[in-house]
C-alpha atoms as a PDB file:
ATOM      1  CA  PHE A   1     -27.310 148.857 -40.143  1.00  0.00           C
ATOM      2  CA  ASN A   2     -23.363 147.891 -39.611  1.00  0.00           C
ATOM      3  CA  SER A   3     -21.172 149.769 -37.061  1.00  0.00           C
ATOM      4  CA  ASP A   4     -19.894 152.137 -40.076  1.00  0.00           C
ATOM      5  CA  THR A   5     -23.291 152.747 -41.068  1.00  0.00           C
ATOM      6  CA  LYS A   6     -23.999 153.697 -37.922  1.00  0.00           C
ATOM      7  CA  GLU A   7     -21.235 155.798 -37.237  1.00  0.00           C
ATOM      8  CA  PHE A   8     -21.475 157.825 -40.332  1.00  0.00           C
ATOM      9  CA  TYR A   9     -25.391 158.611 -39.560  1.00  0.00           C
ATOM     10  CA  LYS A  10     -24.347 159.577 -36.148  1.00  0.00           C
ATOM     11  CA  LEU A  11     -21.947 162.022 -37.627  1.00  0.00           C
ATOM     12  CA  PHE A  12     -24.202 163.339 -40.057  1.00  0.00           C
ATOM     13  CA  TYR A  13     -26.582 163.924 -37.195  1.00  0.00           C
ATOM     14  CA  TYR A  14     -23.968 165.949 -35.443  1.00  0.00           C
ATOM     15  CA  GLY A  15     -23.473 168.202 -38.646  1.00  0.00           C
ATOM     16  CA  VAL A  16     -26.895 168.829 -38.887  1.00  0.00           C
ATOM     17  CA  VAL A  17     -27.089 170.067 -35.306  1.00  0.00           C
ATOM     18  CA  ILE A  18     -24.292 172.254 -35.529  1.00  0.00           C
ATOM     19  CA  SER A  19     -25.643 173.401 -38.803  1.00  0.00           C
ATOM     20  CA  MET A  20     -29.214 174.178 -37.340  1.00  0.00           C
ATOM     21  CA  LEU A  21     -27.522 176.116 -34.318  1.00  0.00           C
ATOM     22  CA  ASN A  22     -25.088 178.003 -36.458  1.00  0.00           C
ATOM     23  CA  SER A  23     -27.794 179.546 -38.447  1.00  0.00           C
ATOM     24  CA  PHE A  24     -28.706 181.664 -35.265  1.00  0.00           C
ATOM     25  CA  SER A  25     -25.367 182.913 -35.412  1.00  0.00           C
ATOM     26  CA  LEU A  26     -25.516 183.914 -39.159  1.00  0.00           C
ATOM     27  CA  ILE A  27     -28.656 186.435 -38.241  1.00  0.00           C
ATOM     28  CA  ALA A  28     -27.104 188.193 -35.350  1.00  0.00           C
ATOM     29  CA  LEU A  29     -23.481 188.766 -36.997  1.00  0.00           C
ATOM     30  CA  SER A  30     -25.289 189.797 -40.246  1.00  0.00           C
ATOM     31  CA  TYR A  31     -27.117 192.156 -38.346  1.00  0.00           C
ATOM     32  CA  TYR A  32     -24.292 193.580 -36.916  1.00  0.00           C
ATOM     33  CA  ARG A  33     -22.037 193.717 -40.186  1.00  0.00           C
ATOM     34  CA  LEU A  34     -24.967 195.122 -42.083  1.00  0.00           C
ATOM     35  CA  THR A  35     -25.881 197.785 -39.596  1.00  0.00           C
ATOM     36  CA  GLU A  36     -21.697 198.808 -39.521  1.00  0.00           C
ATOM     37  CA  ASN A  37     -21.154 197.879 -35.813  1.00  0.00           C
ATOM     38  CA  PRO A  38     -17.772 196.249 -35.992  1.00  0.00           C
ATOM     39  CA  LYS A  39     -17.180 196.283 -32.210  1.00  0.00           C
ATOM     40  CA  ILE A  40     -19.823 193.946 -30.938  1.00  0.00           C
ATOM     41  CA  TYR A  41     -19.537 191.681 -34.212  1.00  0.00           C
ATOM     42  CA  VAL A  42     -15.928 191.400 -33.664  1.00  0.00           C
ATOM     43  CA  LEU A  43     -16.863 190.798 -29.840  1.00  0.00           C
ATOM     44  CA  LEU A  44     -18.950 187.998 -30.644  1.00  0.00           C
ATOM     45  CA  LYS A  45     -16.711 186.495 -33.238  1.00  0.00           C
ATOM     46  CA  LEU A  46     -14.078 186.346 -30.926  1.00  0.00           C
ATOM     47  CA  SER A  47     -16.060 185.056 -27.943  1.00  0.00           C
ATOM     48  CA  ARG A  48     -16.959 181.960 -30.030  1.00  0.00           C
ATOM     49  CA  PHE A  49     -13.765 181.498 -31.142  1.00  0.00           C
ATOM     50  CA  ILE A  50     -12.493 181.734 -27.621  1.00  0.00           C
ATOM     51  CA  ILE A  51     -14.938 179.496 -26.223  1.00  0.00           C
ATOM     52  CA  ASN A  52     -14.628 176.605 -29.076  1.00  0.00           C
ATOM     53  CA  THR A  53     -10.925 176.554 -28.588  1.00  0.00           C
ATOM     54  CA  LEU A  54     -10.949 175.798 -24.988  1.00  0.00           C
ATOM     55  CA  PHE A  55     -13.590 173.364 -25.437  1.00  0.00           C
ATOM     56  CA  ILE A  56     -11.782 171.461 -28.035  1.00  0.00           C
ATOM     57  CA  ILE A  57      -8.440 171.691 -25.758  1.00  0.00           C
ATOM     58  CA  CYS A  58     -10.381 170.092 -22.650  1.00  0.00           C
ATOM     59  CA  ALA A  59     -11.924 167.634 -25.165  1.00  0.00           C
ATOM     60  CA  LEU A  60      -8.928 166.550 -26.530  1.00  0.00           C
ATOM     61  CA  VAL A  61      -6.586 166.462 -23.577  1.00  0.00           C
ATOM     62  CA  TRP A  62      -9.307 164.883 -20.981  1.00  0.00           C
ATOM     63  CA  LEU A  63     -11.618 162.954 -23.170  1.00  0.00           C
ATOM     64  CA  GLU A  64     -10.224 161.375 -26.254  1.00  0.00           C
ATOM     65  CA  GLU A  65      -8.064 162.663 -29.068  1.00  0.00           C
ATOM     66  CA  THR A  66     -10.781 161.931 -31.711  1.00  0.00           C
ATOM     67  CA  GLY A  67     -12.891 163.483 -34.195  1.00  0.00           C
ATOM     68  CA  ILE A  68     -16.089 163.001 -32.273  1.00  0.00           C
ATOM     69  CA  ALA A  69     -14.399 164.632 -29.154  1.00  0.00           C
ATOM     70  CA  LYS A  70     -13.944 167.957 -31.445  1.00  0.00           C
ATOM     71  CA  ILE A  71     -17.482 167.740 -32.732  1.00  0.00           C
ATOM     72  CA  PHE A  72     -18.791 167.909 -29.369  1.00  0.00           C
ATOM     73  CA  ALA A  73     -16.713 170.607 -28.310  1.00  0.00           C
ATOM     74  CA  ASP A  74     -18.002 172.495 -31.319  1.00  0.00           C
ATOM     75  CA  ILE A  75     -21.907 171.467 -30.161  1.00  0.00           C
ATOM     76  CA  LEU A  76     -21.203 172.918 -26.442  1.00  0.00           C
ATOM     77  CA  SER A  77     -19.697 176.167 -27.773  1.00  0.00           C
ATOM     78  CA  ILE A  78     -22.510 177.145 -30.044  1.00  0.00           C
ATOM     79  CA  ALA A  79     -24.910 175.642 -27.831  1.00  0.00           C
ATOM     80  CA  ILE A  80     -23.327 178.468 -25.232  1.00  0.00           C
ATOM     81  CA  MET A  81     -23.705 181.133 -27.474  1.00  0.00           C
ATOM     82  CA  VAL A  82     -27.067 180.422 -29.476  1.00  0.00           C
ATOM     83  CA  PRO A  83     -29.132 182.171 -26.045  1.00  0.00           C
ATOM     84  CA  ILE A  84     -27.017 185.510 -26.707  1.00  0.00           C
ATOM     85  CA  TYR A  85     -27.805 185.144 -30.582  1.00  0.00           C
ATOM     86  CA  VAL A  86     -31.707 184.748 -29.838  1.00  0.00           C
ATOM     87  CA  ILE A  87     -31.664 187.536 -27.695  1.00  0.00           C
ATOM     88  CA  ILE A  88     -29.970 189.626 -30.178  1.00  0.00           C
ATOM     89  CA  ILE A  89     -32.104 188.399 -32.697  1.00  0.00           C
ATOM     90  CA  TYR A  90     -35.298 189.136 -30.726  1.00  0.00           C
ATOM     91  CA  SER A  91     -34.279 192.685 -29.746  1.00  0.00           C
ATOM     92  CA  LYS A  92     -32.762 194.048 -32.717  1.00  0.00           C
ATOM     93  CA  ILE A  93     -34.606 192.085 -35.419  1.00  0.00           C
ATOM     94  CA  GLY A  94     -37.825 190.464 -34.038  1.00  0.00           C
ATOM     95  CA  LEU A  95     -39.367 186.925 -34.496  1.00  0.00           C
ATOM     96  CA  LYS A  96     -42.172 187.643 -36.980  1.00  0.00           C
ATOM     97  CA  PHE A  97     -42.296 185.583 -40.091  1.00  0.00           C
ATOM     98  CA  ASP A  98     -42.986 187.266 -43.652  1.00  0.00           C
ATOM     99  CA  ILE A  99     -43.823 184.891 -46.233  1.00  0.00           C
ATOM    100  CA  ASN A 100     -43.516 187.419 -49.062  1.00  0.00           C
ATOM    101  CA  LEU A 101     -39.621 188.174 -47.716  1.00  0.00           C
ATOM    102  CA  LEU A 102     -39.252 184.081 -47.810  1.00  0.00           C
ATOM    103  CA  LYS A 103     -40.701 184.065 -51.584  1.00  0.00           C
ATOM    104  CA  LYS A 104     -38.184 187.179 -52.470  1.00  0.00           C
ATOM    105  CA  GLY A 105     -35.114 185.205 -50.891  1.00  0.00           C
ATOM    106  CA  LEU A 106     -36.194 181.748 -52.315  1.00  0.00           C
ATOM    107  CA  LYS A 107     -36.474 183.427 -55.852  1.00  0.00           C
ATOM    108  CA  TYR A 108     -32.875 185.328 -55.187  1.00  0.00           C
ATOM    109  CA  SER A 109     -31.201 181.998 -53.753  1.00  0.00           C
ATOM    110  CA  ILE A 110     -32.620 179.195 -55.805  1.00  0.00           C
ATOM    111  CA  PRO A 111     -30.726 179.590 -58.919  1.00  0.00           C
ATOM    112  CA  PHE A 112     -27.175 179.588 -57.126  1.00  0.00           C
ATOM    113  CA  ILE A 113     -28.151 176.148 -55.590  1.00  0.00           C
ATOM    114  CA  PRO A 114     -26.828 173.859 -58.385  1.00  0.00           C
ATOM    115  CA  THR A 115     -23.587 175.845 -58.672  1.00  0.00           C
ATOM    116  CA  ILE A 116     -22.798 175.632 -54.914  1.00  0.00           C
ATOM    117  CA  LEU A 117     -23.667 171.967 -54.803  1.00  0.00           C
ATOM    118  CA  ILE A 118     -21.259 171.185 -57.591  1.00  0.00           C
ATOM    119  CA  ALA A 119     -18.794 173.316 -56.120  1.00  0.00           C
ATOM    120  CA  TRP A 120     -19.128 171.710 -52.772  1.00  0.00           C
ATOM    121  CA  VAL A 121     -18.981 168.039 -54.377  1.00  0.00           C
ATOM    122  CA  LEU A 122     -16.006 168.919 -56.264  1.00  0.00           C
ATOM    123  CA  THR A 123     -14.091 170.686 -53.285  1.00  0.00           C
ATOM    124  CA  LEU A 124     -14.692 167.748 -51.008  1.00  0.00           C
ATOM    125  CA  SER A 125     -13.791 165.016 -53.586  1.00  0.00           C
ATOM    126  CA  ASN A 126     -10.502 166.700 -55.178  1.00  0.00           C
ATOM    127  CA  ARG A 127      -8.273 164.937 -53.056  1.00  0.00           C
ATOM    128  CA  LEU A 128      -9.636 161.504 -53.788  1.00  0.00           C
ATOM    129  CA  PHE A 129      -9.337 161.921 -57.582  1.00  0.00           C
ATOM    130  CA  LEU A 130      -5.941 163.073 -57.068  1.00  0.00           C
ATOM    131  CA  GLU A 131      -5.158 159.776 -54.895  1.00  0.00           C
ATOM    132  CA  TYR A 132      -7.308 157.531 -57.177  1.00  0.00           C
ATOM    133  CA  TYR A 133      -5.422 158.628 -60.568  1.00  0.00           C
ATOM    134  CA  TYR A 134      -1.850 159.560 -59.050  1.00  0.00           C
ATOM    135  CA  ASP A 135      -0.631 159.020 -55.755  1.00  0.00           C
ATOM    136  CA  LEU A 136      -0.613 160.473 -51.806  1.00  0.00           C
ATOM    137  CA  GLU A 137       2.665 162.457 -52.908  1.00  0.00           C
ATOM    138  CA  MET A 138       0.519 164.455 -55.153  1.00  0.00           C
ATOM    139  CA  VAL A 139      -2.376 164.773 -52.526  1.00  0.00           C
ATOM    140  CA  GLY A 140       0.298 166.407 -50.258  1.00  0.00           C
ATOM    141  CA  GLN A 141       1.435 168.350 -52.903  1.00  0.00           C
ATOM    142  CA  PHE A 142      -1.931 169.934 -53.924  1.00  0.00           C
ATOM    143  CA  GLY A 143      -2.779 170.412 -49.869  1.00  0.00           C
ATOM    144  CA  MET A 144       0.112 172.514 -49.733  1.00  0.00           C
ATOM    145  CA  ALA A 145      -0.681 174.506 -52.795  1.00  0.00           C
ATOM    146  CA  PHE A 146      -4.005 174.900 -51.513  1.00  0.00           C
ATOM    147  CA  LYS A 147      -2.922 176.245 -48.176  1.00  0.00           C
ATOM    148  CA  ILE A 148      -0.869 178.865 -50.016  1.00  0.00           C
ATOM    149  CA  SER A 149      -3.707 180.173 -51.969  1.00  0.00           C
ATOM    150  CA  SER A 150      -5.695 180.276 -48.887  1.00  0.00           C
ATOM    151  CA  ALA A 151      -3.606 183.054 -47.506  1.00  0.00           C
ATOM    152  CA  ILE A 152      -5.433 185.058 -50.303  1.00  0.00           C
ATOM    153  CA  LEU A 153      -8.771 183.901 -49.334  1.00  0.00           C
ATOM    154  CA  ILE A 154      -8.356 184.893 -45.848  1.00  0.00           C
ATOM    155  CA  LEU A 155      -7.277 188.770 -46.987  1.00  0.00           C
ATOM    156  CA  CYS A 156     -10.088 188.600 -49.745  1.00  0.00           C
ATOM    157  CA  SER A 157     -12.738 187.257 -47.006  1.00  0.00           C
ATOM    158  CA  ALA A 158     -11.544 190.132 -44.623  1.00  0.00           C
ATOM    159  CA  ILE A 159     -12.133 192.635 -47.211  1.00  0.00           C
ATOM    160  CA  THR A 160     -15.652 191.377 -48.345  1.00  0.00           C
ATOM    161  CA  THR A 161     -16.888 191.167 -44.608  1.00  0.00           C
ATOM    162  CA  ALA A 162     -15.960 194.698 -44.080  1.00  0.00           C
ATOM    163  CA  TYR A 163     -17.103 196.133 -47.539  1.00  0.00           C
ATOM    164  CA  THR A 164     -20.428 194.126 -47.610  1.00  0.00           C
ATOM    165  CA  PRO A 165     -22.581 196.865 -45.917  1.00  0.00           C
ATOM    166  CA  THR A 166     -21.083 199.572 -48.307  1.00  0.00           C
ATOM    167  CA  PHE A 167     -21.722 197.111 -51.087  1.00  0.00           C
ATOM    168  CA  TYR A 168     -25.511 196.974 -50.286  1.00  0.00           C
ATOM    169  CA  LYS A 169     -25.746 200.542 -50.003  1.00  0.00           C
ATOM    170  CA  VAL A 170     -23.870 201.307 -53.078  1.00  0.00           C
ATOM    171  CA  ALA A 171     -25.791 198.495 -55.503  1.00  0.00           C
ATOM    172  CA  LYS A 172     -29.087 199.536 -54.271  1.00  0.00           C
ATOM    173  CA  GLN A 173     -28.279 203.471 -55.577  1.00  0.00           C
ATOM    174  CA  ASN A 174     -27.531 201.815 -59.077  1.00  0.00           C
ATOM    175  CA  SER A 175     -25.363 204.545 -60.464  1.00  0.00           C
ATOM    176  CA  ARG A 176     -22.513 204.224 -62.820  1.00  0.00           C
ATOM    177  CA  SER A 177     -19.980 205.991 -60.490  1.00  0.00           C
ATOM    178  CA  ASP A 178     -20.971 203.540 -57.357  1.00  0.00           C
ATOM    179  CA  LEU A 179     -21.039 200.674 -59.362  1.00  0.00           C
ATOM    180  CA  PHE A 180     -17.628 201.775 -60.700  1.00  0.00           C
ATOM    181  CA  LEU A 181     -16.302 201.571 -56.688  1.00  0.00           C
ATOM    182  CA  ASN A 182     -17.906 197.782 -56.514  1.00  0.00           C
ATOM    183  CA  ASN A 183     -15.921 196.864 -59.889  1.00  0.00           C
ATOM    184  CA  GLN A 184     -12.642 198.195 -57.894  1.00  0.00           C
ATOM    185  CA  ILE A 185     -12.911 195.460 -55.226  1.00  0.00           C
ATOM    186  CA  SER A 186     -12.853 192.717 -57.780  1.00  0.00           C
ATOM    187  CA  TYR A 187      -9.767 194.303 -59.683  1.00  0.00           C
ATOM    188  CA  VAL A 188      -7.865 194.047 -56.027  1.00  0.00           C
ATOM    189  CA  TYR A 189      -8.714 190.736 -55.670  1.00  0.00           C
ATOM    190  CA  ILE A 190      -7.429 189.626 -59.089  1.00  0.00           C
ATOM    191  CA  PHE A 191      -4.334 191.785 -58.559  1.00  0.00           C
ATOM    192  CA  LEU A 192      -3.763 189.890 -54.946  1.00  0.00           C
ATOM    193  CA  SER A 193      -4.258 186.690 -56.774  1.00  0.00           C
ATOM    194  CA  PHE A 194      -1.664 187.057 -59.463  1.00  0.00           C
ATOM    195  CA  ALA A 195       0.590 189.023 -56.965  1.00  0.00           C
ATOM    196  CA  LEU A 196       0.960 185.670 -54.724  1.00  0.00           C
ATOM    197  CA  ALA A 197       1.047 183.336 -57.630  1.00  0.00           C
ATOM    198  CA  LEU A 198       4.205 185.339 -59.136  1.00  0.00           C
ATOM    199  CA  PHE A 199       5.759 184.647 -56.099  1.00  0.00           C
ATOM    200  CA  VAL A 200       5.166 181.145 -55.286  1.00  0.00           C
ATOM    201  CA  PRO A 201       8.093 179.766 -56.677  1.00  0.00           C
ATOM    202  CA  GLU A 202      10.128 182.070 -54.195  1.00  0.00           C
ATOM    203  CA  ILE A 203       7.942 180.977 -51.151  1.00  0.00           C
ATOM    204  CA  VAL A 204       8.371 177.190 -51.703  1.00  0.00           C
ATOM    205  CA  LEU A 205      12.000 177.726 -52.281  1.00  0.00           C
ATOM    206  CA  TYR A 206      12.875 179.718 -49.066  1.00  0.00           C
ATOM    207  CA  VAL A 207       9.691 178.780 -46.836  1.00  0.00           C
ATOM    208  CA  LEU A 208       9.088 175.317 -47.717  1.00  0.00           C
ATOM    209  CA  SER A 209      11.183 172.177 -48.564  1.00  0.00           C
ATOM    210  CA  SER A 210      12.359 171.217 -52.057  1.00  0.00           C
ATOM    211  CA  GLN A 211       9.671 168.489 -51.729  1.00  0.00           C
ATOM    212  CA  TYR A 212       7.279 170.562 -52.503  1.00  0.00           C
ATOM    213  CA  SER A 213       8.967 172.070 -55.505  1.00  0.00           C
ATOM    214  CA  GLY A 214       5.962 170.250 -57.947  1.00  0.00           C
ATOM    215  CA  ILE A 215       3.445 173.076 -56.636  1.00  0.00           C
END
């Protein structure tokens, strides 16, 4: 192995560690979201954000201004929160293993894996294709366009997070009137997306510079 290969596997290992530790947060946070307990949910999210931000600032200021320092800050912040997540999982959910529940989960999730993998590859490689076939200027315009569209993504994600418990309740009842309510959320997302697209020229003209007119 050369130095570049070792560096790659080191980053890959750190990524796996962060993902494994994050699984505890997903379980704990999902419990409070589905049980409609926003105060504790927001408190946990905010605590994680503050701790992570402080570690990142300390790492960049006193250690080194590299991506490795940021990754170590992420690992330290999630490591501090993991005991809290484990206590929540043990007290609220329990640590019993149900093989039937695992089978049902796999049967539901396996069909989504190919789509998610393709979307993941395309999302990570789109800028590489643009740089290869065009130039860095096109990559910059694409990046700014992506940031503008992310404004709607942030709003839609917030609505989805708040509406998810209601969605599962409504979907379980499986009545036409209740399913109609779920469809309205999709219409709201579509409206917000088209509304943003309608005002993109004004956003580029008055907020950004003329260099981004190609957006």
